[in-house]
Amino acid sequence: MHGRLFGGAIAQTNTDPAMMPAPGPPTQTLVDKGREQFHRTCAQCHGRNMVNSGTTSYDLRKFPTDQPDRFFNSVTNGKNSMPSFSGALDPGAIQWLWAYVSTRGGKEM
């Protein structure tokens, strides 16, 4: 874990290789597992199939697909009103979620 200095406070970023997605495009199996995990864990706030107004939680359809480290950090450590899921999700489950989110729910494979 490394820190970055922002306005005098250190923001933790997770650079643990186990928390990063596997190289290459996600498989359909990973996307399907991510969809299942998303509906169990994330849909309550982020909307079914990632469809929400973006007014109360981040619209994940707009998440930059070239920033997996940012996604893993947000899920692991929480961000703004989103709680940390480090105790609830293991690295594999977060990888499934990234496969789902980064392919826009399997639509961009």
PDB file of N, CA and C in Angstrom:
ATOM      1  N   MET A   1       0.854  -1.167   0.000  1.00  0.00           N
ATOM      2  CA  MET A   1       0.000   0.000   0.000  1.00  0.00           C
ATOM      3  C   MET A   1       0.897   1.226   0.000  1.00  0.00           C
ATOM      4  N   HIS A   2       0.579   2.168  -0.844  1.00  0.00           N
ATOM      5  CA  HIS A   2       1.335   3.403  -0.949  1.00  0.00           C
ATOM      6  C   HIS A   2       0.405   4.566  -0.634  1.00  0.00           C
ATOM      7  N   GLY A   3       0.978   5.683  -0.263  1.00  0.00           N
ATOM      8  CA  GLY A   3       0.171   6.864   0.013  1.00  0.00           C
ATOM      9  C   GLY A   3       0.485   7.976  -0.955  1.00  0.00           C
ATOM     10  N   ARG A   4      -0.489   8.807  -1.207  1.00  0.00           N
ATOM     11  CA  ARG A   4      -0.294  10.011  -2.006  1.00  0.00           C
ATOM     12  C   ARG A   4      -0.714  11.192  -1.154  1.00  0.00           C
ATOM     13  N   LEU A   5       0.007  12.280  -1.291  1.00  0.00           N
ATOM     14  CA  LEU A   5      -0.265  13.466  -0.496  1.00  0.00           C
ATOM     15  C   LEU A   5      -1.265  14.357  -1.214  1.00  0.00           C
ATOM     16  N   PHE A   6      -2.384  14.639  -0.569  1.00  0.00           N
ATOM     17  CA  PHE A   6      -3.406  15.532  -1.089  1.00  0.00           C
ATOM     18  C   PHE A   6      -3.734  16.556  -0.017  1.00  0.00           C
ATOM     19  N   GLY A   7      -3.368  17.795  -0.240  1.00  0.00           N
ATOM     20  CA  GLY A   7      -3.695  18.859   0.708  1.00  0.00           C
ATOM     21  C   GLY A   7      -3.230  18.574   2.118  1.00  0.00           C
ATOM     22  N   GLY A   8      -2.071  17.950   2.257  1.00  0.00           N
ATOM     23  CA  GLY A   8      -1.541  17.684   3.586  1.00  0.00           C
ATOM     24  C   GLY A   8      -1.991  16.368   4.185  1.00  0.00           C
ATOM     25  N   ALA A   9      -2.959  15.689   3.567  1.00  0.00           N
ATOM     26  CA  ALA A   9      -3.417  14.401   4.074  1.00  0.00           C
ATOM     27  C   ALA A   9      -2.941  13.310   3.123  1.00  0.00           C
ATOM     28  N   ILE A  10      -2.652  12.179   3.677  1.00  0.00           N
ATOM     29  CA  ILE A  10      -2.205  11.069   2.840  1.00  0.00           C
ATOM     30  C   ILE A  10      -3.408  10.211   2.493  1.00  0.00           C
ATOM     31  N   ALA A  11      -3.625  10.023   1.197  1.00  0.00           N
ATOM     32  CA  ALA A  11      -4.691   9.144   0.712  1.00  0.00           C
ATOM     33  C   ALA A  11      -4.065   7.797   0.387  1.00  0.00           C
ATOM     34  N   GLN A  12      -4.594   6.748   0.949  1.00  0.00           N
ATOM     35  CA  GLN A  12      -4.052   5.421   0.706  1.00  0.00           C
ATOM     36  C   GLN A  12      -4.530   4.897  -0.639  1.00  0.00           C
ATOM     37  N   THR A  13      -3.623   4.289  -1.384  1.00  0.00           N
ATOM     38  CA  THR A  13      -3.976   3.616  -2.628  1.00  0.00           C
ATOM     39  C   THR A  13      -3.490   2.193  -2.534  1.00  0.00           C
ATOM     40  N   ASN A  14      -4.277   1.274  -3.019  1.00  0.00           N
ATOM     41  CA  ASN A  14      -3.934  -0.131  -2.941  1.00  0.00           C
ATOM     42  C   ASN A  14      -3.220  -0.541  -4.217  1.00  0.00           C
ATOM     43  N   THR A  15      -1.963  -0.933  -4.111  1.00  0.00           N
ATOM     44  CA  THR A  15      -1.205  -1.384  -5.268  1.00  0.00           C
ATOM     45  C   THR A  15      -0.820  -2.851  -5.124  1.00  0.00           C
ATOM     46  N   ASP A  16      -1.510  -3.582  -4.290  1.00  0.00           N
ATOM     47  CA  ASP A  16      -1.274  -5.005  -4.119  1.00  0.00           C
ATOM     48  C   ASP A  16      -1.588  -5.716  -5.432  1.00  0.00           C
ATOM     49  N   PRO A  17      -0.618  -6.429  -6.025  1.00  0.00           N
ATOM     50  CA  PRO A  17      -0.869  -7.106  -7.301  1.00  0.00           C
ATOM     51  C   PRO A  17      -2.035  -8.082  -7.251  1.00  0.00           C
ATOM     52  N   ALA A  18      -2.312  -8.669  -6.093  1.00  0.00           N
ATOM     53  CA  ALA A  18      -3.440  -9.596  -5.983  1.00  0.00           C
ATOM     54  C   ALA A  18      -4.774  -8.894  -6.171  1.00  0.00           C
ATOM     55  N   MET A  19      -4.775  -7.582  -6.016  1.00  0.00           N
ATOM     56  CA  MET A  19      -6.012  -6.817  -6.149  1.00  0.00           C
ATOM     57  C   MET A  19      -6.220  -6.296  -7.565  1.00  0.00           C
ATOM     58  N   MET A  20      -5.292  -6.559  -8.455  1.00  0.00           N
ATOM     59  CA  MET A  20      -5.405  -6.048  -9.812  1.00  0.00           C
ATOM     60  C   MET A  20      -6.020  -7.109 -10.717  1.00  0.00           C
ATOM     61  N   PRO A  21      -6.717  -6.670 -11.775  1.00  0.00           N
ATOM     62  CA  PRO A  21      -7.344  -7.633 -12.680  1.00  0.00           C
ATOM     63  C   PRO A  21      -6.297  -8.435 -13.441  1.00  0.00           C
ATOM     64  N   ALA A  22      -6.694  -9.613 -13.863  1.00  0.00           N
ATOM     65  CA  ALA A  22      -5.808 -10.444 -14.671  1.00  0.00           C
ATOM     66  C   ALA A  22      -5.546  -9.734 -15.994  1.00  0.00           C
ATOM     67  N   PRO A  23      -4.348  -9.909 -16.559  1.00  0.00           N
ATOM     68  CA  PRO A  23      -4.056  -9.248 -17.835  1.00  0.00           C
ATOM     69  C   PRO A  23      -4.952  -9.781 -18.948  1.00  0.00           C
ATOM     70  N   GLY A  24      -5.192  -8.945 -19.924  1.00  0.00           N
ATOM     71  CA  GLY A  24      -6.019  -9.334 -21.060  1.00  0.00           C
ATOM     72  C   GLY A  24      -7.484  -9.043 -20.820  1.00  0.00           C
ATOM     73  N   PRO A  25      -8.278  -9.201 -21.859  1.00  0.00           N
ATOM     74  CA  PRO A  25      -9.707  -8.917 -21.720  1.00  0.00           C
ATOM     75  C   PRO A  25     -10.384  -9.941 -20.815  1.00  0.00           C
ATOM     76  N   PRO A  26     -11.413  -9.527 -20.096  1.00  0.00           N
ATOM     77  CA  PRO A  26     -12.111 -10.458 -19.211  1.00  0.00           C
ATOM     78  C   PRO A  26     -12.877 -11.503 -20.018  1.00  0.00           C
ATOM     79  N   THR A  27     -12.991 -12.673 -19.451  1.00  0.00           N
ATOM     80  CA  THR A  27     -13.747 -13.742 -20.096  1.00  0.00           C
ATOM     81  C   THR A  27     -15.231 -13.579 -19.789  1.00  0.00           C
ATOM     82  N   GLN A  28     -16.061 -14.253 -20.563  1.00  0.00           N
ATOM     83  CA  GLN A  28     -17.503 -14.212 -20.313  1.00  0.00           C
ATOM     84  C   GLN A  28     -17.824 -14.772 -18.933  1.00  0.00           C
ATOM     85  N   THR A  29     -17.071 -15.781 -18.504  1.00  0.00           N
ATOM     86  CA  THR A  29     -17.284 -16.362 -17.175  1.00  0.00           C
ATOM     87  C   THR A  29     -17.052 -15.323 -16.083  1.00  0.00           C
ATOM     88  N   LEU A  30     -15.966 -14.544 -16.198  1.00  0.00           N
ATOM     89  CA  LEU A  30     -15.697 -13.495 -15.203  1.00  0.00           C
ATOM     90  C   LEU A  30     -16.790 -12.436 -15.211  1.00  0.00           C
ATOM     91  N   VAL A  31     -17.247 -12.053 -16.388  1.00  0.00           N
ATOM     92  CA  VAL A  31     -18.315 -11.050 -16.493  1.00  0.00           C
ATOM     93  C   VAL A  31     -19.593 -11.585 -15.853  1.00  0.00           C
ATOM     94  N   ASP A  32     -19.925 -12.841 -16.105  1.00  0.00           N
ATOM     95  CA  ASP A  32     -21.132 -13.439 -15.521  1.00  0.00           C
ATOM     96  C   ASP A  32     -21.043 -13.497 -14.000  1.00  0.00           C
ATOM     97  N   LYS A  33     -19.874 -13.874 -13.482  1.00  0.00           N
ATOM     98  CA  LYS A  33     -19.687 -13.892 -12.026  1.00  0.00           C
ATOM     99  C   LYS A  33     -19.777 -12.472 -11.469  1.00  0.00           C
ATOM    100  N   GLY A  34     -19.217 -11.515 -12.208  1.00  0.00           N
ATOM    101  CA  GLY A  34     -19.297 -10.123 -11.788  1.00  0.00           C
ATOM    102  C   GLY A  34     -20.723  -9.609 -11.752  1.00  0.00           C
ATOM    103  N   ARG A  35     -21.524 -10.004 -12.738  1.00  0.00           N
ATOM    104  CA  ARG A  35     -22.934  -9.597 -12.777  1.00  0.00           C
ATOM    105  C   ARG A  35     -23.663 -10.122 -11.542  1.00  0.00           C
ATOM    106  N   GLU A  36     -23.444 -11.406 -11.230  1.00  0.00           N
ATOM    107  CA  GLU A  36     -24.082 -12.000 -10.048  1.00  0.00           C
ATOM    108  C   GLU A  36     -23.650 -11.277  -8.777  1.00  0.00           C
ATOM    109  N   GLN A  37     -22.338 -11.025  -8.639  1.00  0.00           N
ATOM    110  CA  GLN A  37     -21.823 -10.328  -7.458  1.00  0.00           C
ATOM    111  C   GLN A  37     -22.369  -8.911  -7.391  1.00  0.00           C
ATOM    112  N   PHE A  38     -22.421  -8.230  -8.521  1.00  0.00           N
ATOM    113  CA  PHE A  38     -22.931  -6.863  -8.571  1.00  0.00           C
ATOM    114  C   PHE A  38     -24.368  -6.803  -8.058  1.00  0.00           C
ATOM    115  N   HIS A  39     -25.203  -7.728  -8.504  1.00  0.00           N
ATOM    116  CA  HIS A  39     -26.605  -7.698  -8.085  1.00  0.00           C
ATOM    117  C   HIS A  39     -26.775  -8.043  -6.611  1.00  0.00           C
ATOM    118  N   ARG A  40     -25.833  -8.814  -6.057  1.00  0.00           N
ATOM    119  CA  ARG A  40     -25.884  -9.113  -4.617  1.00  0.00           C
ATOM    120  C   ARG A  40     -25.356  -7.962  -3.779  1.00  0.00           C
ATOM    121  N   THR A  41     -24.330  -7.274  -4.259  1.00  0.00           N
ATOM    122  CA  THR A  41     -23.575  -6.344  -3.425  1.00  0.00           C
ATOM    123  C   THR A  41     -23.755  -4.875  -3.787  1.00  0.00           C
ATOM    124  N   CYS A  42     -23.905  -4.561  -5.056  1.00  0.00           N
ATOM    125  CA  CYS A  42     -23.786  -3.178  -5.523  1.00  0.00           C
ATOM    126  C   CYS A  42     -25.076  -2.554  -6.048  1.00  0.00           C
ATOM    127  N   ALA A  43     -25.977  -3.388  -6.552  1.00  0.00           N
ATOM    128  CA  ALA A  43     -27.157  -2.868  -7.256  1.00  0.00           C
ATOM    129  C   ALA A  43     -28.051  -2.009  -6.370  1.00  0.00           C
ATOM    130  N   GLN A  44     -28.053  -2.262  -5.083  1.00  0.00           N
ATOM    131  CA  GLN A  44     -28.903  -1.482  -4.190  1.00  0.00           C
ATOM    132  C   GLN A  44     -28.592   0.010  -4.296  1.00  0.00           C
ATOM    133  N   CYS A  45     -27.328   0.348  -4.448  1.00  0.00           N
ATOM    134  CA  CYS A  45     -26.939   1.760  -4.553  1.00  0.00           C
ATOM    135  C   CYS A  45     -26.666   2.195  -5.996  1.00  0.00           C
ATOM    136  N   HIS A  46     -26.037   1.319  -6.779  1.00  0.00           N
ATOM    137  CA  HIS A  46     -25.608   1.703  -8.129  1.00  0.00           C
ATOM    138  C   HIS A  46     -26.632   1.364  -9.203  1.00  0.00           C
ATOM    139  N   GLY A  47     -27.739   0.733  -8.816  1.00  0.00           N
ATOM    140  CA  GLY A  47     -28.812   0.445  -9.760  1.00  0.00           C
ATOM    141  C   GLY A  47     -28.656  -0.895 -10.452  1.00  0.00           C
ATOM    142  N   ARG A  48     -29.785  -1.493 -10.744  1.00  0.00           N
ATOM    143  CA  ARG A  48     -29.788  -2.765 -11.474  1.00  0.00           C
ATOM    144  C   ARG A  48     -29.148  -2.536 -12.839  1.00  0.00           C
ATOM    145  N   ASN A  49     -28.237  -3.409 -13.210  1.00  0.00           N
ATOM    146  CA  ASN A  49     -27.509  -3.299 -14.478  1.00  0.00           C
ATOM    147  C   ASN A  49     -26.751  -1.983 -14.599  1.00  0.00           C
ATOM    148  N   MET A  50     -26.357  -1.415 -13.470  1.00  0.00           N
ATOM    149  CA  MET A  50     -25.586  -0.168 -13.391  1.00  0.00           C
ATOM    150  C   MET A  50     -26.381   1.042 -13.864  1.00  0.00           C
ATOM    151  N   VAL A  51     -27.676   0.944 -13.967  1.00  0.00           N
ATOM    152  CA  VAL A  51     -28.489   2.063 -14.436  1.00  0.00           C
ATOM    153  C   VAL A  51     -29.014   2.824 -13.223  1.00  0.00           C
ATOM    154  N   ASN A  52     -28.534   4.054 -13.060  1.00  0.00           N
ATOM    155  CA  ASN A  52     -29.041   4.951 -12.028  1.00  0.00           C
ATOM    156  C   ASN A  52     -28.825   6.376 -12.492  1.00  0.00           C
ATOM    157  N   SER A  53     -29.392   7.280 -11.787  1.00  0.00           N
ATOM    158  CA  SER A  53     -29.308   8.686 -12.186  1.00  0.00           C
ATOM    159  C   SER A  53     -27.950   9.306 -11.900  1.00  0.00           C
ATOM    160  N   GLY A  54     -27.151   8.650 -11.073  1.00  0.00           N
ATOM    161  CA  GLY A  54     -25.852   9.202 -10.716  1.00  0.00           C
ATOM    162  C   GLY A  54     -25.938  10.330  -9.701  1.00  0.00           C
ATOM    163  N   THR A  55     -27.122  10.559  -9.159  1.00  0.00           N
ATOM    164  CA  THR A  55     -27.261  11.658  -8.199  1.00  0.00           C
ATOM    165  C   THR A  55     -26.935  11.232  -6.772  1.00  0.00           C
ATOM    166  N   THR A  56     -27.167   9.972  -6.428  1.00  0.00           N
ATOM    167  CA  THR A  56     -26.865   9.521  -5.070  1.00  0.00           C
ATOM    168  C   THR A  56     -25.658   8.601  -5.025  1.00  0.00           C
ATOM    169  N   SER A  57     -25.346   7.965  -6.117  1.00  0.00           N
ATOM    170  CA  SER A  57     -24.146   7.135  -6.203  1.00  0.00           C
ATOM    171  C   SER A  57     -23.562   7.278  -7.602  1.00  0.00           C
ATOM    172  N   TYR A  58     -22.310   6.935  -7.720  1.00  0.00           N
ATOM    173  CA  TYR A  58     -21.600   7.105  -8.986  1.00  0.00           C
ATOM    174  C   TYR A  58     -22.238   6.241 -10.076  1.00  0.00           C
ATOM    175  N   ASP A  59     -22.404   6.808 -11.264  1.00  0.00           N
ATOM    176  CA  ASP A  59     -22.935   6.073 -12.413  1.00  0.00           C
ATOM    177  C   ASP A  59     -21.792   5.238 -12.994  1.00  0.00           C
ATOM    178  N   LEU A  60     -21.771   3.951 -12.676  1.00  0.00           N
ATOM    179  CA  LEU A  60     -20.656   3.090 -13.059  1.00  0.00           C
ATOM    180  C   LEU A  60     -20.543   2.868 -14.561  1.00  0.00           C
ATOM    181  N   ARG A  61     -21.571   3.194 -15.315  1.00  0.00           N
ATOM    182  CA  ARG A  61     -21.473   3.099 -16.777  1.00  0.00           C
ATOM    183  C   ARG A  61     -20.467   4.109 -17.311  1.00  0.00           C
ATOM    184  N   LYS A  62     -20.133   5.113 -16.504  1.00  0.00           N
ATOM    185  CA  LYS A  62     -19.185   6.153 -16.906  1.00  0.00           C
ATOM    186  C   LYS A  62     -17.790   5.936 -16.318  1.00  0.00           C
ATOM    187  N   PHE A  63     -17.602   4.838 -15.586  1.00  0.00           N
ATOM    188  CA  PHE A  63     -16.302   4.608 -14.950  1.00  0.00           C
ATOM    189  C   PHE A  63     -15.250   4.382 -16.033  1.00  0.00           C
ATOM    190  N   PRO A  64     -14.099   5.064 -15.944  1.00  0.00           N
ATOM    191  CA  PRO A  64     -13.042   4.899 -16.953  1.00  0.00           C
ATOM    192  C   PRO A  64     -12.511   3.459 -16.975  1.00  0.00           C
ATOM    193  N   THR A  65     -12.583   2.826 -18.125  1.00  0.00           N
ATOM    194  CA  THR A  65     -12.170   1.426 -18.223  1.00  0.00           C
ATOM    195  C   THR A  65     -10.658   1.244 -18.188  1.00  0.00           C
ATOM    196  N   ASP A  66      -9.925   2.338 -18.237  1.00  0.00           N
ATOM    197  CA  ASP A  66      -8.466   2.248 -18.160  1.00  0.00           C
ATOM    198  C   ASP A  66      -7.943   2.545 -16.755  1.00  0.00           C
ATOM    199  N   GLN A  67      -8.830   2.497 -15.758  1.00  0.00           N
ATOM    200  CA  GLN A  67      -8.415   2.799 -14.386  1.00  0.00           C
ATOM    201  C   GLN A  67      -8.816   1.692 -13.405  1.00  0.00           C
ATOM    202  N   PRO A  68      -8.361   0.459 -13.647  1.00  0.00           N
ATOM    203  CA  PRO A  68      -8.728  -0.615 -12.725  1.00  0.00           C
ATOM    204  C   PRO A  68      -8.211  -0.380 -11.312  1.00  0.00           C
ATOM    205  N   ASP A  69      -7.047   0.268 -11.178  1.00  0.00           N
ATOM    206  CA  ASP A  69      -6.509   0.527  -9.840  1.00  0.00           C
ATOM    207  C   ASP A  69      -7.426   1.452  -9.056  1.00  0.00           C
ATOM    208  N   ARG A  70      -8.008   2.425  -9.709  1.00  0.00           N
ATOM    209  CA  ARG A  70      -8.954   3.338  -9.055  1.00  0.00           C
ATOM    210  C   ARG A  70     -10.201   2.576  -8.596  1.00  0.00           C
ATOM    211  N   PHE A  71     -10.702   1.681  -9.435  1.00  0.00           N
ATOM    212  CA  PHE A  71     -11.871   0.875  -9.085  1.00  0.00           C
ATOM    213  C   PHE A  71     -11.571   0.007  -7.866  1.00  0.00           C
ATOM    214  N   PHE A  72     -10.450  -0.716  -7.910  1.00  0.00           N
ATOM    215  CA  PHE A  72     -10.087  -1.604  -6.807  1.00  0.00           C
ATOM    216  C   PHE A  72      -9.892  -0.819  -5.516  1.00  0.00           C
ATOM    217  N   ASN A  73      -9.280   0.348  -5.600  1.00  0.00           N
ATOM    218  CA  ASN A  73      -9.079   1.183  -4.423  1.00  0.00           C
ATOM    219  C   ASN A  73     -10.420   1.649  -3.849  1.00  0.00           C
ATOM    220  N   SER A  74     -11.330   2.074  -4.713  1.00  0.00           N
ATOM    221  CA  SER A  74     -12.637   2.556  -4.249  1.00  0.00           C
ATOM    222  C   SER A  74     -13.429   1.447  -3.571  1.00  0.00           C
ATOM    223  N   VAL A  75     -13.435   0.251  -4.173  1.00  0.00           N
ATOM    224  CA  VAL A  75     -14.186  -0.865  -3.594  1.00  0.00           C
ATOM    225  C   VAL A  75     -13.534  -1.320  -2.289  1.00  0.00           C
ATOM    226  N   THR A  76     -12.235  -1.404  -2.277  1.00  0.00           N
ATOM    227  CA  THR A  76     -11.522  -1.898  -1.100  1.00  0.00           C
ATOM    228  C   THR A  76     -11.564  -0.912   0.061  1.00  0.00           C
ATOM    229  N   ASN A  77     -11.339   0.362  -0.225  1.00  0.00           N
ATOM    230  CA  ASN A  77     -11.204   1.358   0.840  1.00  0.00           C
ATOM    231  C   ASN A  77     -12.413   2.258   1.023  1.00  0.00           C
ATOM    232  N   GLY A  78     -13.362   2.208   0.098  1.00  0.00           N
ATOM    233  CA  GLY A  78     -14.510   3.104   0.153  1.00  0.00           C
ATOM    234  C   GLY A  78     -14.144   4.464  -0.415  1.00  0.00           C
ATOM    235  N   LYS A  79     -15.165   5.231  -0.743  1.00  0.00           N
ATOM    236  CA  LYS A  79     -14.930   6.571  -1.278  1.00  0.00           C
ATOM    237  C   LYS A  79     -16.194   7.393  -1.079  1.00  0.00           C
ATOM    238  N   ASN A  80     -16.012   8.589  -0.560  1.00  0.00           N
ATOM    239  CA  ASN A  80     -17.143   9.478  -0.271  1.00  0.00           C
ATOM    240  C   ASN A  80     -18.167   8.726   0.572  1.00  0.00           C
ATOM    241  N   SER A  81     -19.399   8.574   0.109  1.00  0.00           N
ATOM    242  CA  SER A  81     -20.418   7.902   0.920  1.00  0.00           C
ATOM    243  C   SER A  81     -20.409   6.382   0.750  1.00  0.00           C
ATOM    244  N   MET A  82     -19.560   5.863  -0.129  1.00  0.00           N
ATOM    245  CA  MET A  82     -19.474   4.415  -0.324  1.00  0.00           C
ATOM    246  C   MET A  82     -18.576   3.808   0.748  1.00  0.00           C
ATOM    247  N   PRO A  83     -19.065   2.773   1.436  1.00  0.00           N
ATOM    248  CA  PRO A  83     -18.240   2.146   2.472  1.00  0.00           C
ATOM    249  C   PRO A  83     -17.170   1.241   1.868  1.00  0.00           C
ATOM    250  N   SER A  84     -16.216   0.882   2.686  1.00  0.00           N
ATOM    251  CA  SER A  84     -15.192  -0.087   2.299  1.00  0.00           C
ATOM    252  C   SER A  84     -15.814  -1.481   2.237  1.00  0.00           C
ATOM    253  N   PHE A  85     -15.433  -2.242   1.232  1.00  0.00           N
ATOM    254  CA  PHE A  85     -15.885  -3.623   1.118  1.00  0.00           C
ATOM    255  C   PHE A  85     -14.736  -4.606   1.334  1.00  0.00           C
ATOM    256  N   SER A  86     -13.645  -4.125   1.945  1.00  0.00           N
ATOM    257  CA  SER A  86     -12.473  -4.982   2.138  1.00  0.00           C
ATOM    258  C   SER A  86     -12.781  -6.199   2.997  1.00  0.00           C
ATOM    259  N   GLY A  87     -13.664  -6.078   3.954  1.00  0.00           N
ATOM    260  CA  GLY A  87     -14.011  -7.214   4.798  1.00  0.00           C
ATOM    261  C   GLY A  87     -15.111  -8.081   4.227  1.00  0.00           C
ATOM    262  N   ALA A  88     -15.813  -7.576   3.215  1.00  0.00           N
ATOM    263  CA  ALA A  88     -16.951  -8.300   2.653  1.00  0.00           C
ATOM    264  C   ALA A  88     -16.630  -8.996   1.336  1.00  0.00           C
ATOM    265  N   LEU A  89     -15.664  -8.469   0.591  1.00  0.00           N
ATOM    266  CA  LEU A  89     -15.334  -9.025  -0.721  1.00  0.00           C
ATOM    267  C   LEU A  89     -13.866  -9.409  -0.779  1.00  0.00           C
ATOM    268  N   ASP A  90     -13.590 -10.603  -1.255  1.00  0.00           N
ATOM    269  CA  ASP A  90     -12.194 -10.999  -1.435  1.00  0.00           C
ATOM    270  C   ASP A  90     -11.700 -10.485  -2.789  1.00  0.00           C
ATOM    271  N   PRO A  91     -10.394 -10.532  -3.035  1.00  0.00           N
ATOM    272  CA  PRO A  91      -9.857 -10.000  -4.295  1.00  0.00           C
ATOM    273  C   PRO A  91     -10.491 -10.616  -5.541  1.00  0.00           C
ATOM    274  N   GLY A  92     -10.824 -11.905  -5.481  1.00  0.00           N
ATOM    275  CA  GLY A  92     -11.460 -12.547  -6.635  1.00  0.00           C
ATOM    276  C   GLY A  92     -12.808 -11.934  -6.955  1.00  0.00           C
ATOM    277  N   ALA A  93     -13.612 -11.672  -5.932  1.00  0.00           N
ATOM    278  CA  ALA A  93     -14.932 -11.070  -6.147  1.00  0.00           C
ATOM    279  C   ALA A  93     -14.800  -9.662  -6.712  1.00  0.00           C
ATOM    280  N   ILE A  94     -13.787  -8.926  -6.266  1.00  0.00           N
ATOM    281  CA  ILE A  94     -13.578  -7.578  -6.804  1.00  0.00           C
ATOM    282  C   ILE A  94     -13.130  -7.671  -8.257  1.00  0.00           C
ATOM    283  N   GLN A  95     -12.349  -8.672  -8.610  1.00  0.00           N
ATOM    284  CA  GLN A  95     -11.972  -8.872 -10.010  1.00  0.00           C
ATOM    285  C   GLN A  95     -13.199  -9.190 -10.862  1.00  0.00           C
ATOM    286  N   TRP A  96     -14.118  -9.989 -10.339  1.00  0.00           N
ATOM    287  CA  TRP A  96     -15.357 -10.269 -11.076  1.00  0.00           C
ATOM    288  C   TRP A  96     -16.125  -8.977 -11.308  1.00  0.00           C
ATOM    289  N   LEU A  97     -16.223  -8.158 -10.255  1.00  0.00           N
ATOM    290  CA  LEU A  97     -16.938  -6.885 -10.398  1.00  0.00           C
ATOM    291  C   LEU A  97     -16.281  -6.001 -11.449  1.00  0.00           C
ATOM    292  N   TRP A  98     -14.947  -5.958 -11.454  1.00  0.00           N
ATOM    293  CA  TRP A  98     -14.249  -5.153 -12.456  1.00  0.00           C
ATOM    294  C   TRP A  98     -14.537  -5.679 -13.860  1.00  0.00           C
ATOM    295  N   ALA A  99     -14.561  -6.993 -14.032  1.00  0.00           N
ATOM    296  CA  ALA A  99     -14.871  -7.569 -15.348  1.00  0.00           C
ATOM    297  C   ALA A  99     -16.253  -7.106 -15.807  1.00  0.00           C
ATOM    298  N   TYR A 100     -17.202  -7.081 -14.892  1.00  0.00           N
ATOM    299  CA  TYR A 100     -18.568  -6.647 -15.214  1.00  0.00           C
ATOM    300  C   TYR A 100     -18.621  -5.150 -15.509  1.00  0.00           C
ATOM    301  N   VAL A 101     -18.051  -4.348 -14.630  1.00  0.00           N
ATOM    302  CA  VAL A 101     -18.110  -2.888 -14.784  1.00  0.00           C
ATOM    303  C   VAL A 101     -17.299  -2.430 -15.996  1.00  0.00           C
ATOM    304  N   SER A 102     -16.110  -2.977 -16.183  1.00  0.00           N
ATOM    305  CA  SER A 102     -15.235  -2.502 -17.264  1.00  0.00           C
ATOM    306  C   SER A 102     -15.724  -2.888 -18.655  1.00  0.00           C
ATOM    307  N   THR A 103     -16.621  -3.868 -18.730  1.00  0.00           N
ATOM    308  CA  THR A 103     -17.202  -4.238 -20.027  1.00  0.00           C
ATOM    309  C   THR A 103     -18.619  -3.697 -20.171  1.00  0.00           C
ATOM    310  N   ARG A 104     -18.971  -2.776 -19.276  1.00  0.00           N
ATOM    311  CA  ARG A 104     -20.316  -2.185 -19.294  1.00  0.00           C
ATOM    312  C   ARG A 104     -21.385  -3.278 -19.226  1.00  0.00           C
ATOM    313  N   GLY A 105     -21.163  -4.203 -18.302  1.00  0.00           N
ATOM    314  CA  GLY A 105     -22.122  -5.285 -18.102  1.00  0.00           C
ATOM    315  C   GLY A 105     -22.058  -6.348 -19.178  1.00  0.00           C
ATOM    316  N   GLY A 106     -20.903  -6.504 -19.820  1.00  0.00           N
ATOM    317  CA  GLY A 106     -20.732  -7.495 -20.870  1.00  0.00           C
ATOM    318  C   GLY A 106     -21.077  -6.978 -22.250  1.00  0.00           C
ATOM    319  N   LYS A 107     -21.484  -5.725 -22.338  1.00  0.00           N
ATOM    320  CA  LYS A 107     -21.882  -5.148 -23.629  1.00  0.00           C
ATOM    321  C   LYS A 107     -20.695  -4.743 -24.484  1.00  0.00           C
ATOM    322  N   GLU A 108     -19.523  -4.566 -23.863  1.00  0.00           N
ATOM    323  CA  GLU A 108     -18.334  -4.134 -24.599  1.00  0.00           C
ATOM    324  C   GLU A 108     -17.232  -5.180 -24.470  1.00  0.00           C
ATOM    325  N   MET A 109     -17.495  -6.332 -25.025  1.00  0.00           N
ATOM    326  CA  MET A 109     -16.500  -7.417 -24.978  1.00  0.00           C
ATOM    327  C   MET A 109     -15.977  -7.680 -26.373  1.00  0.00           C
TER     328      MET A 109
END
